[in-house]
Amino acid sequence: MPTPPPPSHTYPASCHCGSVQYTVTLSPPLTDPTREVFECNCSICSRNGYLLVYAKHEDVNFTAGEEILERYTFAKARVAHFFCPQCGSSLFAKSLDASYKPLDIKAVNVRQFHDLDLARLKIRGVDGRSA
């Protein structure tokens, strides 16, 4: 008998103004006790209020507005941070440097997920400031 696939859940998400809309499929889902959400203390993550989960590119599906996304890089330009140009919502980041982080993963800001109870998440701090 084949092993059943692990549980997953697809979360609807958008920027504040709704110009950019997308879904993120996570396995395990955020309700799974093993799923952690990361809060990095580096300057950009702190200022943008990121609470991050990592998803494969194919698990992030845009339904509107992908073409308007703006990106920001700084310092060594190893990571691009994507945001809505209309309302400024920080949506996700992805590596531009395979020697730094995998290129097939997005660090997705769960604060943009619809109807998510942040108090129920298992949040783990990450020391990105020292990286």
N, C-alpha and C. Protein backbone atom coordinates (compact mmCIF):
# COMPACT_ATOMS: atom_id res chain seq x y z
N MET A 1 0.85 -1.18 0.00
CA MET A 1 0.00 0.00 0.00
C MET A 1 0.89 1.24 0.00
N PRO A 2 0.64 2.19 -0.91
CA PRO A 2 1.49 3.39 -0.97
C PRO A 2 1.29 4.27 0.27
N THR A 3 2.36 4.96 0.60
CA THR A 3 2.31 5.90 1.73
C THR A 3 1.49 7.12 1.32
N PRO A 4 0.52 7.51 2.15
CA PRO A 4 -0.27 8.71 1.80
C PRO A 4 0.62 9.96 1.84
N PRO A 5 0.29 10.94 1.03
CA PRO A 5 1.09 12.17 1.05
C PRO A 5 0.94 12.87 2.41
N PRO A 6 1.96 13.62 2.82
CA PRO A 6 1.84 14.34 4.09
C PRO A 6 0.75 15.40 3.99
N PRO A 7 0.18 15.78 5.13
CA PRO A 7 -0.88 16.80 5.09
C PRO A 7 -0.34 18.13 4.58
N SER A 8 -1.19 18.84 3.88
CA SER A 8 -0.83 20.17 3.40
C SER A 8 -2.07 21.05 3.47
N HIS A 9 -1.84 22.34 3.33
CA HIS A 9 -2.95 23.30 3.32
C HIS A 9 -2.55 24.44 2.39
N THR A 10 -3.52 24.93 1.63
CA THR A 10 -3.29 26.06 0.74
C THR A 10 -3.90 27.30 1.37
N TYR A 11 -3.06 28.32 1.55
CA TYR A 11 -3.45 29.56 2.21
C TYR A 11 -3.62 30.66 1.18
N PRO A 12 -4.77 31.33 1.16
CA PRO A 12 -4.91 32.52 0.31
C PRO A 12 -4.18 33.69 0.95
N ALA A 13 -3.59 34.52 0.11
CA ALA A 13 -2.81 35.66 0.61
C ALA A 13 -2.91 36.80 -0.39
N SER A 14 -2.61 38.00 0.10
CA SER A 14 -2.57 39.16 -0.78
C SER A 14 -1.83 40.29 -0.08
N CYS A 15 -1.49 41.29 -0.87
CA CYS A 15 -0.97 42.52 -0.29
C CYS A 15 -2.14 43.27 0.35
N HIS A 16 -1.88 44.37 1.01
CA HIS A 16 -2.92 45.11 1.71
C HIS A 16 -4.00 45.66 0.77
N CYS A 17 -3.59 46.19 -0.36
CA CYS A 17 -4.56 46.80 -1.28
C CYS A 17 -5.24 45.79 -2.19
N GLY A 18 -4.74 44.55 -2.23
CA GLY A 18 -5.35 43.51 -3.06
C GLY A 18 -4.87 43.46 -4.48
N SER A 19 -3.92 44.31 -4.86
CA SER A 19 -3.41 44.29 -6.23
C SER A 19 -2.64 43.01 -6.54
N VAL A 20 -1.99 42.45 -5.53
CA VAL A 20 -1.25 41.20 -5.69
C VAL A 20 -1.97 40.14 -4.85
N GLN A 21 -2.38 39.07 -5.52
CA GLN A 21 -3.08 37.98 -4.85
C GLN A 21 -2.40 36.67 -5.22
N TYR A 22 -2.35 35.76 -4.25
CA TYR A 22 -1.66 34.50 -4.48
C TYR A 22 -2.08 33.48 -3.44
N THR A 23 -1.68 32.24 -3.65
CA THR A 23 -1.88 31.18 -2.67
C THR A 23 -0.52 30.56 -2.37
N VAL A 24 -0.41 30.02 -1.16
CA VAL A 24 0.80 29.33 -0.73
C VAL A 24 0.38 27.99 -0.15
N THR A 25 0.92 26.91 -0.70
CA THR A 25 0.64 25.58 -0.19
C THR A 25 1.80 25.15 0.68
N LEU A 26 1.48 24.80 1.93
CA LEU A 26 2.50 24.39 2.89
C LEU A 26 2.26 22.97 3.37
N SER A 27 3.33 22.21 3.42
CA SER A 27 3.29 20.87 3.99
C SER A 27 4.55 20.71 4.84
N PRO A 28 4.39 20.54 6.15
CA PRO A 28 3.13 20.49 6.88
C PRO A 28 2.48 21.86 6.96
N PRO A 29 1.16 21.86 7.23
CA PRO A 29 0.46 23.15 7.37
C PRO A 29 0.85 23.88 8.64
N LEU A 30 0.46 25.12 8.74
CA LEU A 30 0.80 25.94 9.91
C LEU A 30 0.21 25.40 11.20
N THR A 31 -0.83 24.59 11.11
CA THR A 31 -1.45 24.01 12.30
C THR A 31 -0.69 22.80 12.84
N ASP A 32 0.25 22.30 12.07
CA ASP A 32 1.04 21.14 12.51
C ASP A 32 2.02 21.59 13.59
N PRO A 33 2.11 20.85 14.70
CA PRO A 33 3.00 21.27 15.80
C PRO A 33 4.48 21.30 15.42
N THR A 34 4.86 20.65 14.31
CA THR A 34 6.27 20.68 13.90
C THR A 34 6.59 21.88 13.01
N ARG A 35 5.56 22.57 12.52
CA ARG A 35 5.78 23.70 11.60
C ARG A 35 6.20 24.93 12.38
N GLU A 36 7.36 25.47 12.02
CA GLU A 36 7.85 26.69 12.65
C GLU A 36 7.76 27.85 11.67
N VAL A 37 7.53 29.02 12.22
CA VAL A 37 7.55 30.28 11.48
C VAL A 37 8.74 31.05 12.02
N PHE A 38 9.51 31.64 11.13
CA PHE A 38 10.77 32.26 11.54
C PHE A 38 10.66 33.78 11.59
N GLU A 39 11.17 34.33 12.69
CA GLU A 39 11.23 35.77 12.88
C GLU A 39 12.71 36.16 12.97
N CYS A 40 13.20 36.72 11.89
CA CYS A 40 14.61 37.09 11.79
C CYS A 40 14.81 38.49 12.37
N ASN A 41 15.96 38.69 12.99
CA ASN A 41 16.24 40.00 13.60
C ASN A 41 17.13 40.89 12.74
N CYS A 42 17.36 40.53 11.48
CA CYS A 42 18.17 41.41 10.63
C CYS A 42 17.38 42.69 10.35
N SER A 43 18.05 43.69 9.82
CA SER A 43 17.43 45.00 9.66
C SER A 43 16.20 44.98 8.76
N ILE A 44 16.27 44.33 7.62
CA ILE A 44 15.13 44.38 6.70
C ILE A 44 13.96 43.54 7.20
N CYS A 45 14.25 42.39 7.78
CA CYS A 45 13.15 41.55 8.31
C CYS A 45 12.46 42.24 9.47
N SER A 46 13.23 42.87 10.33
CA SER A 46 12.65 43.59 11.47
C SER A 46 11.80 44.76 11.00
N ARG A 47 12.32 45.55 10.07
CA ARG A 47 11.60 46.73 9.61
C ARG A 47 10.35 46.38 8.80
N ASN A 48 10.40 45.26 8.07
CA ASN A 48 9.24 44.85 7.27
C ASN A 48 8.27 43.97 8.06
N GLY A 49 8.64 43.60 9.28
CA GLY A 49 7.75 42.79 10.10
C GLY A 49 7.58 41.37 9.60
N TYR A 50 8.58 40.85 8.92
CA TYR A 50 8.47 39.50 8.37
C TYR A 50 8.27 38.44 9.44
N LEU A 51 7.33 37.55 9.19
CA LEU A 51 7.22 36.25 9.85
C LEU A 51 7.24 35.27 8.68
N LEU A 52 8.29 34.46 8.60
CA LEU A 52 8.58 33.72 7.37
C LEU A 52 8.39 32.22 7.48
N VAL A 53 7.87 31.65 6.40
CA VAL A 53 7.90 30.21 6.16
C VAL A 53 8.56 30.02 4.80
N TYR A 54 9.12 28.85 4.62
CA TYR A 54 9.81 28.57 3.37
C TYR A 54 8.96 27.65 2.51
N ALA A 55 8.76 28.05 1.25
CA ALA A 55 7.93 27.29 0.32
C ALA A 55 8.67 27.17 -1.00
N LYS A 56 8.47 26.04 -1.67
CA LYS A 56 9.02 25.86 -3.02
C LYS A 56 8.33 26.85 -3.96
N HIS A 57 9.07 27.28 -4.97
CA HIS A 57 8.50 28.24 -5.94
C HIS A 57 7.17 27.75 -6.49
N GLU A 58 7.08 26.45 -6.81
CA GLU A 58 5.86 25.92 -7.42
C GLU A 58 4.68 25.88 -6.44
N ASP A 59 4.94 26.08 -5.16
CA ASP A 59 3.87 26.10 -4.16
C ASP A 59 3.36 27.51 -3.86
N VAL A 60 3.92 28.49 -4.56
CA VAL A 60 3.44 29.88 -4.45
C VAL A 60 2.86 30.23 -5.82
N ASN A 61 1.55 30.39 -5.87
CA ASN A 61 0.85 30.60 -7.14
C ASN A 61 0.12 31.94 -7.15
N PHE A 62 0.53 32.79 -8.07
CA PHE A 62 -0.07 34.12 -8.18
C PHE A 62 -1.34 34.05 -9.02
N THR A 63 -2.39 34.69 -8.53
CA THR A 63 -3.65 34.77 -9.26
C THR A 63 -3.89 36.19 -9.78
N ALA A 64 -3.14 37.15 -9.28
CA ALA A 64 -3.24 38.54 -9.76
C ALA A 64 -2.00 39.31 -9.32
N GLY A 65 -1.52 40.16 -10.20
CA GLY A 65 -0.52 41.16 -9.84
C GLY A 65 0.93 40.75 -9.81
N GLU A 66 1.27 39.54 -10.18
CA GLU A 66 2.69 39.14 -10.13
C GLU A 66 3.55 40.07 -10.98
N GLU A 67 3.00 40.52 -12.09
CA GLU A 67 3.76 41.35 -13.03
C GLU A 67 4.06 42.74 -12.49
N ILE A 68 3.37 43.19 -11.45
CA ILE A 68 3.63 44.53 -10.91
C ILE A 68 4.60 44.53 -9.73
N LEU A 69 4.96 43.35 -9.24
CA LEU A 69 5.83 43.28 -8.08
C LEU A 69 7.13 44.05 -8.30
N GLU A 70 7.55 44.73 -7.27
CA GLU A 70 8.84 45.41 -7.26
C GLU A 70 9.78 44.61 -6.37
N ARG A 71 11.06 44.77 -6.61
CA ARG A 71 12.03 44.05 -5.77
C ARG A 71 13.09 45.01 -5.27
N TYR A 72 13.62 44.65 -4.10
CA TYR A 72 14.64 45.46 -3.45
C TYR A 72 15.76 44.53 -3.00
N THR A 73 16.98 44.96 -3.29
CA THR A 73 18.16 44.26 -2.79
C THR A 73 19.05 45.28 -2.11
N PHE A 74 19.94 44.81 -1.26
CA PHE A 74 20.87 45.70 -0.60
C PHE A 74 22.15 44.94 -0.29
N ALA A 75 23.14 45.64 0.17
CA ALA A 75 24.45 45.07 0.54
C ALA A 75 24.98 44.21 -0.60
N LYS A 76 25.16 42.93 -0.37
CA LYS A 76 25.73 42.03 -1.38
C LYS A 76 24.73 41.56 -2.43
N ALA A 77 23.49 41.99 -2.33
CA ALA A 77 22.42 41.65 -3.28
C ALA A 77 22.26 40.13 -3.44
N ARG A 78 22.36 39.42 -2.33
CA ARG A 78 22.19 37.96 -2.37
C ARG A 78 20.73 37.55 -2.29
N VAL A 79 19.87 38.44 -1.78
CA VAL A 79 18.45 38.14 -1.61
C VAL A 79 17.64 39.31 -2.16
N ALA A 80 16.59 38.96 -2.92
CA ALA A 80 15.65 39.98 -3.42
C ALA A 80 14.40 39.93 -2.55
N HIS A 81 13.95 41.10 -2.12
CA HIS A 81 12.74 41.23 -1.32
C HIS A 81 11.67 41.83 -2.21
N PHE A 82 10.52 41.16 -2.30
CA PHE A 82 9.46 41.56 -3.21
C PHE A 82 8.31 42.21 -2.46
N PHE A 83 7.78 43.28 -3.04
CA PHE A 83 6.72 44.05 -2.39
C PHE A 83 5.78 44.62 -3.43
N CYS A 84 4.58 44.99 -2.98
CA CYS A 84 3.59 45.62 -3.85
C CYS A 84 3.95 47.10 -4.01
N PRO A 85 4.02 47.61 -5.24
CA PRO A 85 4.34 49.02 -5.44
C PRO A 85 3.19 49.96 -5.10
N GLN A 86 1.99 49.43 -4.98
CA GLN A 86 0.82 50.25 -4.67
C GLN A 86 0.72 50.55 -3.17
N CYS A 87 0.81 49.49 -2.35
CA CYS A 87 0.60 49.67 -0.91
C CYS A 87 1.86 49.42 -0.08
N GLY A 88 2.91 48.88 -0.69
CA GLY A 88 4.18 48.66 0.01
C GLY A 88 4.27 47.39 0.83
N SER A 89 3.24 46.53 0.78
CA SER A 89 3.27 45.29 1.57
C SER A 89 4.45 44.41 1.16
N SER A 90 5.19 43.94 2.16
CA SER A 90 6.31 43.02 1.95
C SER A 90 5.77 41.61 1.86
N LEU A 91 5.99 40.95 0.72
CA LEU A 91 5.35 39.67 0.46
C LEU A 91 6.27 38.47 0.65
N PHE A 92 7.45 38.52 0.05
CA PHE A 92 8.36 37.38 0.14
C PHE A 92 9.76 37.80 -0.26
N ALA A 93 10.69 36.91 -0.02
CA ALA A 93 12.08 37.11 -0.44
C ALA A 93 12.56 35.83 -1.10
N LYS A 94 13.53 35.96 -1.98
CA LYS A 94 14.13 34.77 -2.57
C LYS A 94 15.61 35.04 -2.84
N SER A 95 16.35 33.97 -2.78
CA SER A 95 17.79 34.06 -2.98
C SER A 95 18.11 34.32 -4.44
N LEU A 96 19.14 35.12 -4.66
CA LEU A 96 19.69 35.35 -5.99
C LEU A 96 21.06 34.68 -6.13
N ASP A 97 21.52 34.08 -5.05
CA ASP A 97 22.88 33.52 -4.97
C ASP A 97 22.79 32.10 -4.44
N ALA A 98 22.98 31.12 -5.33
CA ALA A 98 22.85 29.71 -4.94
C ALA A 98 23.85 29.30 -3.88
N SER A 99 24.97 30.00 -3.77
CA SER A 99 25.94 29.66 -2.73
C SER A 99 25.50 30.17 -1.36
N TYR A 100 24.49 31.03 -1.34
CA TYR A 100 23.98 31.59 -0.08
C TYR A 100 22.76 30.82 0.42
N LYS A 101 21.73 30.74 -0.41
CA LYS A 101 20.48 30.02 -0.09
C LYS A 101 19.99 29.35 -1.37
N PRO A 102 19.21 28.25 -1.24
CA PRO A 102 18.68 27.59 -2.44
C PRO A 102 17.85 28.54 -3.30
N LEU A 103 17.96 28.37 -4.62
CA LEU A 103 17.26 29.26 -5.55
C LEU A 103 15.81 28.87 -5.77
N ASP A 104 15.41 27.67 -5.36
CA ASP A 104 14.06 27.18 -5.65
C ASP A 104 13.09 27.37 -4.48
N ILE A 105 13.45 28.22 -3.53
CA ILE A 105 12.66 28.43 -2.32
C ILE A 105 12.32 29.92 -2.20
N LYS A 106 11.10 30.19 -1.74
CA LYS A 106 10.71 31.56 -1.38
C LYS A 106 10.52 31.62 0.13
N ALA A 107 10.99 32.68 0.75
CA ALA A 107 10.71 32.97 2.16
C ALA A 107 9.47 33.85 2.16
N VAL A 108 8.33 33.28 2.52
CA VAL A 108 7.03 33.93 2.38
C VAL A 108 6.58 34.53 3.71
N ASN A 109 6.13 35.77 3.66
CA ASN A 109 5.67 36.48 4.85
C ASN A 109 4.24 36.06 5.18
N VAL A 110 4.06 35.29 6.26
CA VAL A 110 2.71 34.80 6.61
C VAL A 110 1.79 35.92 7.08
N ARG A 111 2.32 37.08 7.37
CA ARG A 111 1.45 38.20 7.77
C ARG A 111 0.49 38.60 6.64
N GLN A 112 0.77 38.18 5.41
CA GLN A 112 -0.10 38.49 4.28
C GLN A 112 -1.17 37.41 4.06
N PHE A 113 -1.11 36.30 4.81
CA PHE A 113 -2.12 35.25 4.68
C PHE A 113 -3.44 35.76 5.23
N HIS A 114 -4.52 35.39 4.62
CA HIS A 114 -5.85 35.82 5.05
C HIS A 114 -6.29 35.05 6.29
N ASP A 115 -6.91 35.76 7.23
CA ASP A 115 -7.55 35.16 8.40
C ASP A 115 -6.65 34.21 9.18
N LEU A 116 -5.41 34.59 9.37
CA LEU A 116 -4.47 33.76 10.11
C LEU A 116 -4.33 34.30 11.52
N ASP A 117 -4.48 33.44 12.51
CA ASP A 117 -4.32 33.82 13.91
C ASP A 117 -2.84 33.71 14.27
N LEU A 118 -2.15 34.82 14.25
CA LEU A 118 -0.70 34.82 14.50
C LEU A 118 -0.35 34.30 15.89
N ALA A 119 -1.24 34.47 16.84
CA ALA A 119 -0.98 34.02 18.21
C ALA A 119 -0.90 32.50 18.31
N ARG A 120 -1.40 31.80 17.32
CA ARG A 120 -1.39 30.34 17.35
C ARG A 120 -0.17 29.74 16.65
N LEU A 121 0.67 30.58 16.09
CA LEU A 121 1.84 30.08 15.36
C LEU A 121 3.00 29.77 16.30
N LYS A 122 3.79 28.80 15.89
CA LYS A 122 5.01 28.46 16.62
C LYS A 122 6.13 29.28 15.99
N ILE A 123 6.50 30.38 16.66
CA ILE A 123 7.47 31.31 16.09
C ILE A 123 8.83 31.10 16.74
N ARG A 124 9.85 30.99 15.86
CA ARG A 124 11.21 30.80 16.34
C ARG A 124 12.07 31.96 15.86
N GLY A 125 12.78 32.58 16.77
CA GLY A 125 13.68 33.66 16.41
C GLY A 125 14.92 33.14 15.70
N VAL A 126 15.39 33.93 14.75
CA VAL A 126 16.59 33.59 13.98
C VAL A 126 17.52 34.79 14.03
N ASP A 127 18.80 34.55 14.27
CA ASP A 127 19.76 35.65 14.36
C ASP A 127 20.36 35.96 13.00
N GLY A 128 19.57 36.62 12.16
CA GLY A 128 20.06 37.03 10.85
C GLY A 128 20.98 38.25 10.91
N ARG A 129 20.88 38.98 11.99
CA ARG A 129 21.72 40.18 12.16
C ARG A 129 23.20 39.80 12.17
N SER A 130 23.51 38.64 12.70
CA SER A 130 24.91 38.20 12.80
C SER A 130 25.39 37.45 11.57
N ALA A 131 24.48 37.17 10.64
CA ALA A 131 24.86 36.37 9.46
C ALA A 131 25.68 37.16 8.47
